[in-house]
Amino acid sequence: MLFSSPIVESVVLHRSVATGEVDFGRSDIDMLIVVDEEMAEEGTAIASLCRELNRARLFNPALNHVDVYDPRGIESHARMDTFWASVERRTIMLLRGQPVEIPFATVHPDHALQKFLLWVEWFFAVSVQQRNRRNLWKTSLECWNSYASTEGFGEPFLLRVEMEAQAFLTEENLATKRLGEPAYATRFVFELAERLHRSRLPALRKLSKPVVFEAITAPLCLHRRFVVVPRAGFPLPPEAFEKGAFPCTPEILDLFIHAKNAFFYWILPPELLELGIQPPFMSEFLRTCGSYSHSRFLFHPGFAIPSPQTQTARLAIIRHAMDAASRGELPSAIPQDKIREMMTAGAVTIADYYRTEYGRLRHEGRQIQESLLAFSGTG
C-alpha cells in the first residue's frame, strides 16, 4: 500500500523487527520510508502519503511510528548521528523499492553520548513511569549500549542479548535480570550517567533533596515534568511515576546542556544553577540548532506524532538562536508564555500543515543548515 504512492522510493523495516527481536502484539512495527527528493518539495504529495499510511494503519495499528526521509536527509543525518547510521546500516531490511544507502562512518563518541541521553529522556523514562519490567530491561540495556560506544567500545551491539552478555561481563556485580525493577534499573542508568559526567564536565555540588519542576523545552516545545534526584540510588519520589515525567540527576541535565540540547539551560531553576552548571558555549547552541533543524522533523506530523502545531515554533526558536549567533551573542531565553504563544501559531490539522506550512518551513530549514555551514567555515 505504501509503495503504491508515486512519491515513495523505498520501504524498509528497521529496529527491533529487522533484528528479529520484535514481540508481536506488544511491539510497534518500525518502518522507514524514503521519498523522492523532488516530489518531497510538495506538501500535497507528503499529505497524500500520510493518508495512505492512515489507511494501512486500519489493517495494522502497529504501524505507529514511521520515519520519513528524502535521500539527502538520510545522508546528512548519517553524518550528524554516526551511532544511528551504524545501527541502521547493519539492520535495515528492504521490503520494496530501491536499496537504501547509509554511508559508513566510525561512530563518534559525541553521537553515542547523545543517543544515551535520548534513551534516558524518553524510552527509559516512560518505562519507569509504567513500571514495565520488560521495557525497563530493554531500555536499560540500550542505555548501556550507547554508554559503551561513548566510552570507546566501538560500534554498538545490535541485539539485546549481546548487550546483556557484554554488560554482564564488563559491569561489576551487575544483575541483568534485576534491570526490570525500577529502583535497580534507575540506579544502574544514573550511575552510567555519573561516570560520563565525571569524564567530561566539572563536578557539581550535590542536591540535598529532589527538585521537581515543569517546563516547555525548546526547540521541540514539549511539556515535561522534571524529577531531579540528588544522585544515583536516591529513592524516586512519586512524581517520577507520573505521565510525562523525566526522572534524572543534575549530572544528566548538565550533560544534556553541553552535549545534546543547549536550550535546556533556559529552564533550569535556581536550585540547579547553584550547583555549578555552566552556560553552554556558542558552539553547543549551534550544534543543537543543526540537530533540531534537520529536515526529518518536517515529516513527523502524521507519521510519528499526531499534531503539527510545534513545527512553526521549533524553527522560530532556532532562528532566534541563529540571529543571536550572527551578532556574536549567546541566545537569550524565550519566556515560557511566549513559547506557548508561538505554539498556537501553527496549523491545527495535518492536512493544513502540509498544505500551508510545510513548503515554507522546508525552505527555512534549508537556510538554517546553510547558515550553520557558514559558521563552521569561519570557525
Protein backbone atom coordinates (compact mmCIF):
# COMPACT_ATOMS: atom_id res chain seq x y z
CA MET A 1 0.00 0.00 0.00
CA LEU A 2 2.74 2.45 0.90
CA PHE A 3 4.89 1.68 -2.13
CA SER A 4 1.92 2.36 -4.39
CA SER A 5 2.37 6.08 -3.65
CA PRO A 6 4.27 7.71 -6.54
CA ILE A 7 6.43 9.67 -4.09
CA VAL A 8 7.86 6.55 -2.39
CA GLU A 9 11.25 5.22 -3.50
CA SER A 10 11.86 2.64 -0.76
CA VAL A 11 10.08 0.98 2.15
CA VAL A 12 12.25 -0.73 4.76
CA LEU A 13 11.94 -2.34 8.17
CA HIS A 14 14.33 -1.28 10.90
CA ARG A 15 14.94 -1.50 14.64
CA SER A 16 13.51 -4.49 16.53
CA VAL A 17 11.55 -6.03 13.65
CA ALA A 18 14.58 -6.01 11.38
CA THR A 19 16.82 -7.58 14.07
CA GLY A 20 14.27 -10.28 14.89
CA GLU A 21 13.70 -9.11 18.48
CA VAL A 22 10.14 -7.92 17.91
CA ASP A 23 7.38 -9.10 20.24
CA PHE A 24 4.31 -9.05 18.00
CA GLY A 25 1.23 -7.87 19.82
CA ARG A 26 3.26 -5.63 22.15
CA SER A 27 5.83 -4.00 19.86
CA ASP A 28 5.38 -1.36 17.19
CA ILE A 29 6.47 -2.30 13.70
CA ASP A 30 9.14 0.28 12.89
CA MET A 31 9.31 1.29 9.25
CA LEU A 32 11.35 3.81 7.30
CA ILE A 33 10.22 5.35 4.02
CA VAL A 34 12.46 7.14 1.55
CA VAL A 35 10.64 9.63 -0.67
CA ASP A 36 11.64 11.16 -3.99
CA GLU A 37 13.76 14.28 -3.44
CA GLU A 38 11.97 16.45 -5.98
CA MET A 39 8.44 15.35 -5.12
CA ALA A 40 9.19 15.87 -1.41
CA GLU A 41 9.22 19.61 -2.08
CA GLU A 42 5.43 19.48 -2.46
CA GLY A 43 3.45 19.28 0.73
CA THR A 44 0.44 17.88 -1.09
CA ALA A 45 2.46 14.80 -2.09
CA ILE A 46 3.53 14.17 1.53
CA ALA A 47 -0.07 14.67 2.69
CA SER A 48 -1.22 12.05 0.18
CA LEU A 49 1.34 9.57 1.50
CA CYS A 50 0.18 10.32 5.06
CA ARG A 51 -3.40 9.47 4.08
CA GLU A 52 -2.18 6.20 2.57
CA LEU A 53 -0.38 5.37 5.82
CA ASN A 54 -3.57 6.03 7.79
CA ARG A 55 -5.40 3.57 5.55
CA ALA A 56 -2.64 1.00 6.14
CA ARG A 57 -3.00 1.54 9.90
CA LEU A 58 -6.62 0.41 9.68
CA PHE A 59 -5.26 -3.01 8.71
CA ASN A 60 -2.25 -2.92 11.06
CA PRO A 61 -2.37 -0.46 14.01
CA ALA A 62 1.21 -1.48 14.95
CA LEU A 63 2.45 0.87 12.19
CA ASN A 64 2.53 3.56 14.85
CA HIS A 65 5.85 5.30 14.14
CA VAL A 66 7.15 5.67 10.59
CA ASP A 67 10.33 7.60 9.82
CA VAL A 68 10.35 9.51 6.52
CA TYR A 69 13.45 10.82 4.78
CA ASP A 70 14.46 12.11 1.42
CA PRO A 71 17.83 10.79 0.13
CA ARG A 72 19.75 13.93 1.13
CA GLY A 73 18.13 13.78 4.54
CA ILE A 74 19.41 10.26 5.13
CA GLU A 75 22.92 11.23 4.04
CA SER A 76 23.06 14.33 6.25
CA HIS A 77 21.53 12.54 9.25
CA ALA A 78 24.14 9.78 8.90
CA ARG A 79 26.85 12.43 9.22
CA MET A 80 25.17 14.08 12.19
CA ASP A 81 24.45 10.81 14.01
CA THR A 82 27.02 8.12 13.28
CA PHE A 83 25.57 5.94 16.05
CA TRP A 84 22.20 5.87 14.25
CA ALA A 85 23.95 5.27 10.94
CA SER A 86 25.91 2.32 12.32
CA VAL A 87 22.80 0.56 13.60
CA GLU A 88 20.64 1.32 10.57
CA ARG A 89 23.30 0.37 8.04
CA ARG A 90 23.64 -3.09 9.58
CA THR A 91 19.97 -3.88 10.26
CA ILE A 92 17.58 -2.30 7.75
CA MET A 93 15.59 -4.79 5.69
CA LEU A 94 14.37 -3.68 2.26
CA LEU A 95 10.74 -4.52 1.57
CA ARG A 96 10.08 -2.69 -1.67
CA GLY A 97 11.90 -0.30 -3.97
CA GLN A 98 15.48 0.85 -4.31
CA PRO A 99 18.23 -0.21 -1.87
CA VAL A 100 18.80 2.39 0.84
CA GLU A 101 22.41 3.51 1.10
CA ILE A 102 23.62 4.67 4.50
CA PRO A 103 27.19 5.99 4.41
CA PHE A 104 29.79 4.27 6.58
CA ALA A 105 31.49 6.29 9.29
CA THR A 106 33.22 5.45 12.54
CA VAL A 107 30.89 6.00 15.50
CA HIS A 108 31.69 9.37 17.07
CA PRO A 109 31.65 9.36 20.91
CA ASP A 110 29.61 12.59 20.98
CA HIS A 111 26.90 10.95 18.87
CA ALA A 112 26.84 7.90 21.13
CA LEU A 113 26.51 10.19 24.17
CA GLN A 114 23.59 11.99 22.52
CA LYS A 115 21.92 8.62 21.93
CA PHE A 116 22.45 7.69 25.58
CA LEU A 117 20.71 10.89 26.64
CA LEU A 118 17.85 10.29 24.20
CA TRP A 119 17.23 6.84 25.68
CA VAL A 120 17.34 8.24 29.22
CA GLU A 121 14.97 11.10 28.43
CA TRP A 122 12.28 9.17 26.56
CA PHE A 123 12.22 5.40 26.41
CA PHE A 124 13.74 4.76 29.82
CA ALA A 125 11.65 7.50 31.47
CA VAL A 126 8.43 6.04 30.04
CA SER A 127 9.42 2.56 31.21
CA VAL A 128 9.90 3.91 34.74
CA GLN A 129 6.52 5.64 34.66
CA GLN A 130 4.78 2.46 33.56
CA ARG A 131 6.80 0.18 35.85
CA ASN A 132 7.07 -2.04 32.79
CA ARG A 133 9.60 -4.74 33.65
CA ARG A 134 10.19 -5.86 30.06
CA ASN A 135 10.75 -2.32 28.78
CA LEU A 136 12.92 -1.38 31.75
CA TRP A 137 15.20 -4.32 30.94
CA LYS A 138 15.29 -3.38 27.26
CA THR A 139 15.87 0.34 27.71
CA SER A 140 18.47 -0.12 30.46
CA LEU A 141 20.48 -2.31 28.08
CA GLU A 142 20.07 0.24 25.27
CA CYS A 143 21.38 2.93 27.62
CA TRP A 144 24.38 0.72 28.41
CA ASN A 145 24.92 0.05 24.69
CA SER A 146 25.19 3.75 23.86
CA TYR A 147 27.27 4.34 27.01
CA ALA A 148 29.69 1.63 25.86
CA SER A 149 30.11 3.25 22.43
CA THR A 150 30.65 6.61 24.12
CA GLU A 151 33.45 5.10 26.17
CA GLY A 152 35.19 3.56 23.18
CA PHE A 153 33.74 0.05 22.81
CA GLY A 154 33.33 0.68 19.07
CA GLU A 155 30.21 0.06 17.03
CA PRO A 156 27.05 -0.55 19.06
CA PHE A 157 25.74 -4.04 19.61
CA LEU A 158 22.63 -4.85 17.57
CA LEU A 159 20.87 -7.46 19.72
CA ARG A 160 19.82 -7.01 23.31
CA VAL A 161 21.06 -10.47 24.18
CA GLU A 162 24.51 -9.27 23.05
CA MET A 163 24.15 -6.11 25.11
CA GLU A 164 23.14 -8.13 28.16
CA ALA A 165 26.06 -10.53 27.79
CA GLN A 166 28.63 -7.74 27.36
CA ALA A 167 27.19 -5.62 30.18
CA PHE A 168 27.32 -8.65 32.50
CA LEU A 169 30.98 -9.19 31.61
CA THR A 170 32.10 -5.57 31.97
CA GLU A 171 29.92 -4.17 34.78
CA GLU A 172 30.94 -5.32 38.24
CA ASN A 173 28.19 -7.12 40.21
CA LEU A 174 25.51 -6.34 37.59
CA ALA A 175 22.40 -8.49 37.99
CA THR A 176 20.96 -8.07 34.50
CA LYS A 177 17.70 -9.83 35.40
CA ARG A 178 17.02 -7.16 38.02
CA LEU A 179 17.01 -4.42 35.37
CA GLY A 180 13.25 -4.91 35.25
CA GLU A 181 12.99 -3.35 38.72
CA PRO A 182 12.51 0.46 38.63
CA ALA A 183 14.83 1.19 41.58
CA TYR A 184 17.61 -1.13 40.39
CA ALA A 185 17.41 -0.02 36.75
CA THR A 186 17.35 3.67 37.66
CA ARG A 187 20.40 3.32 39.88
CA PHE A 188 22.27 1.47 37.11
CA VAL A 189 21.45 4.01 34.38
CA PHE A 190 22.06 7.04 36.59
CA GLU A 191 25.46 5.61 37.63
CA LEU A 192 26.38 5.32 33.95
CA ALA A 193 25.44 8.99 33.54
CA GLU A 194 27.56 10.00 36.53
CA ARG A 195 30.57 8.22 35.01
CA LEU A 196 30.06 10.01 31.71
CA HIS A 197 29.77 13.33 33.53
CA ARG A 198 32.97 12.77 35.54
CA SER A 199 34.98 12.17 32.38
CA ARG A 200 33.64 15.24 30.53
CA LEU A 201 32.49 18.04 32.82
CA PRO A 202 33.49 19.64 36.14
CA ALA A 203 31.98 18.09 39.26
CA LEU A 204 28.76 19.64 40.54
CA ARG A 205 27.74 20.40 44.09
CA LYS A 206 25.15 17.97 45.44
CA LEU A 207 21.44 18.49 45.95
CA SER A 208 20.08 17.89 49.42
CA LYS A 209 16.63 16.78 48.25
CA PRO A 210 14.75 16.16 44.96
CA VAL A 211 13.71 19.09 42.80
CA VAL A 212 10.52 18.81 40.75
CA PHE A 213 9.61 21.42 38.15
CA GLU A 214 7.66 21.70 34.92
CA ALA A 215 8.69 23.46 31.73
CA ILE A 216 8.23 23.58 27.98
CA THR A 217 11.52 22.53 26.45
CA ALA A 218 12.86 24.28 23.37
CA PRO A 219 13.08 23.86 20.49
CA LEU A 220 10.61 20.93 20.17
CA CYS A 221 8.12 22.67 22.51
CA LEU A 222 7.47 19.61 24.68
CA HIS A 223 5.89 19.95 28.12
CA ARG A 224 7.90 17.94 30.64
CA ARG A 225 7.89 17.38 34.38
CA PHE A 226 11.50 17.13 35.55
CA VAL A 227 12.04 14.99 38.63
CA VAL A 228 15.65 15.63 39.66
CA VAL A 229 17.04 13.36 42.37
CA PRO A 230 20.33 14.17 44.16
CA ARG A 231 22.25 11.11 42.97
CA ALA A 232 22.07 7.59 41.59
CA GLY A 233 20.43 5.27 44.08
CA PHE A 234 18.32 8.00 45.69
CA PRO A 235 14.71 6.76 46.05
CA LEU A 236 12.45 8.02 43.27
CA PRO A 237 9.66 10.30 44.52
CA PRO A 238 6.05 9.56 43.44
CA GLU A 239 6.23 12.26 40.73
CA ALA A 240 8.73 10.12 38.78
CA PHE A 241 5.95 7.62 38.00
CA GLU A 242 3.50 10.19 36.63
CA LYS A 243 2.85 10.52 32.91
CA GLY A 244 5.25 12.91 31.21
CA ALA A 245 7.86 12.74 33.99
CA PHE A 246 11.57 12.85 33.23
CA PRO A 247 13.45 11.39 36.21
CA CYS A 248 17.09 12.46 36.14
CA THR A 249 20.03 13.80 38.13
CA PRO A 250 21.78 17.20 37.91
CA GLU A 251 24.60 15.45 36.07
CA ILE A 252 22.20 14.21 33.39
CA LEU A 253 20.86 17.73 32.84
CA ASP A 254 24.41 19.10 32.69
CA LEU A 255 25.27 16.51 30.02
CA PHE A 256 22.13 17.46 28.11
CA ILE A 257 23.05 21.13 28.03
CA HIS A 258 26.61 20.59 26.84
CA ALA A 259 26.17 17.51 24.63
CA LYS A 260 22.62 17.33 23.28
CA ASN A 261 20.30 20.30 23.81
CA ALA A 262 21.78 23.63 24.87
CA PHE A 263 18.27 25.12 25.17
CA PHE A 264 17.74 23.13 28.37
CA TYR A 265 19.80 25.80 30.13
CA TRP A 266 16.89 28.21 29.67
CA ILE A 267 14.61 26.29 32.02
CA LEU A 268 16.88 25.42 34.96
CA PRO A 269 15.56 26.66 38.34
CA PRO A 270 17.93 28.46 40.78
CA GLU A 271 18.40 25.31 42.90
CA LEU A 272 20.08 23.60 39.95
CA LEU A 273 22.03 26.60 38.68
CA GLU A 274 23.56 26.96 42.16
CA LEU A 275 25.13 23.51 41.77
CA GLY A 276 27.63 24.88 39.26
CA ILE A 277 26.03 24.04 35.90
CA GLN A 278 27.70 26.38 33.41
CA PRO A 279 26.04 28.09 30.41
CA PRO A 280 26.50 26.35 27.05
CA PHE A 281 29.11 27.60 24.63
CA MET A 282 28.11 29.17 21.32
CA SER A 283 29.29 26.03 19.51
CA GLU A 284 26.93 23.93 21.64
CA PHE A 285 23.96 26.13 20.75
CA LEU A 286 24.90 25.91 17.07
CA ARG A 287 25.20 22.12 17.25
CA THR A 288 21.74 21.97 18.83
CA CYS A 289 20.33 24.19 16.08
CA GLY A 290 21.84 21.91 13.46
CA SER A 291 20.36 18.80 15.00
CA TYR A 292 16.85 20.15 15.52
CA SER A 293 16.56 21.94 12.17
CA HIS A 294 17.16 18.73 10.21
CA SER A 295 14.58 18.00 7.53
CA ARG A 296 13.45 14.74 9.16
CA PHE A 297 11.42 16.70 11.72
CA LEU A 298 9.28 18.15 8.93
CA PHE A 299 7.91 14.67 8.23
CA HIS A 300 6.95 13.90 11.83
CA PRO A 301 3.34 15.16 11.73
CA GLY A 302 1.05 12.30 10.80
CA PHE A 303 3.90 9.80 10.58
CA ALA A 304 5.45 9.95 14.06
CA ILE A 305 3.40 12.50 16.02
CA PRO A 306 -0.34 13.28 15.89
CA SER A 307 -0.15 17.09 15.82
CA PRO A 308 1.69 19.60 13.61
CA GLN A 309 1.41 22.61 15.90
CA THR A 310 5.00 22.74 17.17
CA GLN A 311 6.71 22.79 13.77
CA THR A 312 6.49 26.54 13.18
CA ALA A 313 7.53 27.28 16.78
CA ARG A 314 10.51 24.89 16.50
CA LEU A 315 12.07 26.77 13.61
CA ALA A 316 11.16 30.17 15.09
CA ILE A 317 13.12 29.29 18.25
CA ILE A 318 16.07 28.09 16.20
CA ARG A 319 16.00 31.29 14.10
CA HIS A 320 16.04 33.30 17.34
CA ALA A 321 19.21 31.46 18.39
CA MET A 322 20.80 31.83 14.96
CA ASP A 323 20.10 35.58 14.89
CA ALA A 324 21.88 35.96 18.23
CA ALA A 325 24.81 33.87 16.99
CA SER A 326 25.13 36.08 13.90
CA ARG A 327 25.68 39.02 16.29
CA GLY A 328 28.24 37.04 18.30
CA GLU A 329 25.86 36.68 21.26
CA LEU A 330 24.52 33.72 23.19
CA PRO A 331 20.75 33.47 22.59
CA SER A 332 18.63 34.92 25.37
CA ALA A 333 15.96 32.69 26.87
CA ILE A 334 12.50 32.99 25.36
CA PRO A 335 9.94 33.26 28.20
CA GLN A 336 7.69 30.26 28.70
CA ASP A 337 4.49 32.20 27.99
CA LYS A 338 5.98 33.42 24.72
CA ILE A 339 6.79 29.84 23.70
CA ARG A 340 3.20 28.84 24.49
CA GLU A 341 2.02 31.68 22.29
CA MET A 342 4.33 30.56 19.48
CA MET A 343 2.92 27.02 19.74
CA THR A 344 -0.58 28.27 18.92
CA ALA A 345 0.57 29.89 15.66
CA GLY A 346 0.93 26.64 13.72
CA ALA A 347 -1.58 24.71 11.66
CA VAL A 348 -4.09 22.69 13.65
CA THR A 349 -4.60 19.75 11.29
CA ILE A 350 -2.14 17.54 9.46
CA ALA A 351 -3.74 18.41 6.12
CA ASP A 352 -3.42 22.15 6.77
CA TYR A 353 0.19 21.76 7.85
CA TYR A 354 1.28 20.07 4.63
CA ARG A 355 -0.86 22.43 2.54
CA THR A 356 0.15 25.77 4.08
CA GLU A 357 3.31 25.43 6.22
CA TYR A 358 5.44 22.51 5.13
CA GLY A 359 6.93 24.13 2.00
CA ARG A 360 7.86 27.34 3.79
CA LEU A 361 9.40 25.50 6.75
CA ARG A 362 11.36 23.22 4.43
CA HIS A 363 12.87 26.30 2.78
CA GLU A 364 13.64 27.92 6.15
CA GLY A 365 15.24 24.75 7.47
CA ARG A 366 17.48 24.60 4.42
CA GLN A 367 18.53 28.22 5.00
CA ILE A 368 19.39 27.45 8.63
CA GLN A 369 21.52 24.49 7.60
CA GLU A 370 23.35 26.67 5.07
CA SER A 371 23.96 29.33 7.72
CA LEU A 372 25.41 26.69 10.03
CA LEU A 373 27.81 25.64 7.30
CA ALA A 374 28.92 29.23 7.03
CA PHE A 375 29.51 29.36 10.80
CA SER A 376 31.60 26.19 10.68
CA GLY A 377 33.60 27.60 7.78
CA THR A 378 34.58 30.60 9.87
CA GLY A 379 35.34 28.53 12.98
